[in-house]
Amino acid sequence: MPTLTVGNLSPQLYERLARRASAARRSVSEEAKQILADSLGVSAQAADSYRLPELIPSVEMSPPCDLPLSGPARPVTFQRVAPPLPDALLIDE
């Protein structure tokens, strides 16, 4: 897939592009591709025909296991104990 790099953009131009992308809920690079496709008369679908499938689903899915329910936190208690020392009679040398 070809790559296009555009350098030396003025801060004002980049800021306008970023605002336009945000309004369209797209990334800056996706918005730049959309502008190029519109100006060249290429349909947006044809311009994005090479896109990878969506890896992060946009709908909520049930987890495959039970997750803890949200609620008030419960205190956890523990006791500090000395680690057991190895038994000299059980160590094979």
Protein backbone atom coordinates (compact mmCIF):
# COMPACT_ATOMS: atom_id res chain seq x y z
CA MET A 1 0.00 0.00 0.00
CA PRO A 2 1.51 3.37 -0.97
CA THR A 3 2.35 5.91 1.71
CA LEU A 4 2.27 9.68 1.39
CA THR A 5 4.16 11.95 3.78
CA VAL A 6 3.38 15.65 3.88
CA GLY A 7 5.88 17.81 5.68
CA ASN A 8 6.27 21.48 6.58
CA LEU A 9 2.58 22.08 7.33
CA SER A 10 1.88 25.38 9.00
CA PRO A 11 0.47 25.06 12.52
CA GLN A 12 -2.70 26.86 11.41
CA LEU A 13 -3.31 24.40 8.55
CA TYR A 14 -2.72 21.40 10.77
CA GLU A 15 -5.00 22.83 13.46
CA ARG A 16 -7.83 23.34 10.93
CA LEU A 17 -7.32 19.80 9.63
CA ALA A 18 -7.38 18.42 13.18
CA ARG A 19 -10.59 20.33 14.01
CA ARG A 20 -12.24 19.12 10.81
CA ALA A 21 -11.18 15.53 11.57
CA SER A 22 -12.52 15.80 15.11
CA ALA A 23 -15.86 17.09 13.87
CA ALA A 24 -16.11 14.12 11.48
CA ARG A 25 -14.91 11.70 14.22
CA ARG A 26 -11.88 10.68 12.16
CA SER A 27 -8.15 10.75 12.71
CA VAL A 28 -6.11 13.49 11.05
CA SER A 29 -4.69 11.02 8.50
CA GLU A 30 -8.16 9.63 7.71
CA GLU A 31 -9.47 13.17 7.21
CA ALA A 32 -6.55 14.01 4.89
CA LYS A 33 -7.33 10.86 2.85
CA GLN A 34 -11.00 11.86 2.71
CA ILE A 35 -10.12 15.35 1.45
CA LEU A 36 -7.84 13.86 -1.22
CA ALA A 37 -10.53 11.38 -2.29
CA ASP A 38 -13.16 14.15 -2.48
CA SER A 39 -10.91 16.47 -4.47
CA LEU A 40 -9.95 13.72 -6.93
CA GLY A 41 -13.51 12.51 -7.36
CA VAL A 42 -12.85 9.07 -5.88
CA SER A 43 -15.61 7.58 -3.76
CA ALA A 44 -14.81 7.24 -0.08
CA GLN A 45 -15.60 3.52 -0.27
CA ALA A 46 -13.07 3.02 -3.08
CA ALA A 47 -10.50 5.08 -1.17
CA ASP A 48 -10.93 2.86 1.91
CA SER A 49 -11.28 -0.46 0.09
CA TYR A 50 -7.86 -1.57 1.36
CA ARG A 51 -8.64 -0.95 5.06
CA LEU A 52 -8.10 -3.76 7.50
CA PRO A 53 -11.15 -5.17 9.27
CA GLU A 54 -12.13 -3.54 12.52
CA LEU A 55 -10.11 -5.30 15.22
CA ILE A 56 -11.78 -3.60 18.16
CA PRO A 57 -15.54 -4.23 18.05
CA SER A 58 -17.74 -1.17 18.29
CA VAL A 59 -20.51 -3.07 20.11
CA GLU A 60 -20.31 -4.35 23.65
CA MET A 61 -19.71 -8.08 23.94
CA SER A 62 -20.15 -10.37 26.93
CA PRO A 63 -16.91 -11.58 28.45
CA PRO A 64 -16.24 -15.31 28.28
CA CYS A 65 -15.96 -15.51 32.07
CA ASP A 66 -17.58 -14.00 35.13
CA LEU A 67 -16.22 -10.65 36.17
CA PRO A 68 -16.59 -9.22 39.66
CA LEU A 69 -19.55 -6.94 40.07
CA SER A 70 -18.92 -3.33 40.85
CA GLY A 71 -19.80 -2.25 44.34
CA PRO A 72 -18.33 -1.00 47.54
CA ALA A 73 -14.80 -2.06 48.26
CA ARG A 74 -14.28 -4.74 50.87
CA PRO A 75 -11.23 -4.66 53.13
CA VAL A 76 -8.70 -7.42 52.70
CA THR A 77 -6.99 -8.76 55.79
CA PHE A 78 -3.66 -10.53 55.92
CA GLN A 79 -1.10 -11.63 58.47
CA ARG A 80 2.60 -11.19 58.18
CA VAL A 81 4.39 -14.42 58.92
CA ALA A 82 8.03 -15.33 58.65
CA PRO A 83 8.77 -17.43 55.58
CA PRO A 84 9.39 -21.06 56.49
CA LEU A 85 13.01 -22.08 56.53
CA PRO A 86 14.00 -25.22 54.67
CA ASP A 87 14.26 -28.33 56.81
CA ALA A 88 17.91 -29.46 56.86
CA LEU A 89 16.86 -33.09 57.12
CA LEU A 90 14.84 -32.95 53.88
CA ILE A 91 17.49 -31.33 51.68
CA ASP A 92 19.27 -33.87 49.46
CA GLU A 93 22.86 -33.02 48.78
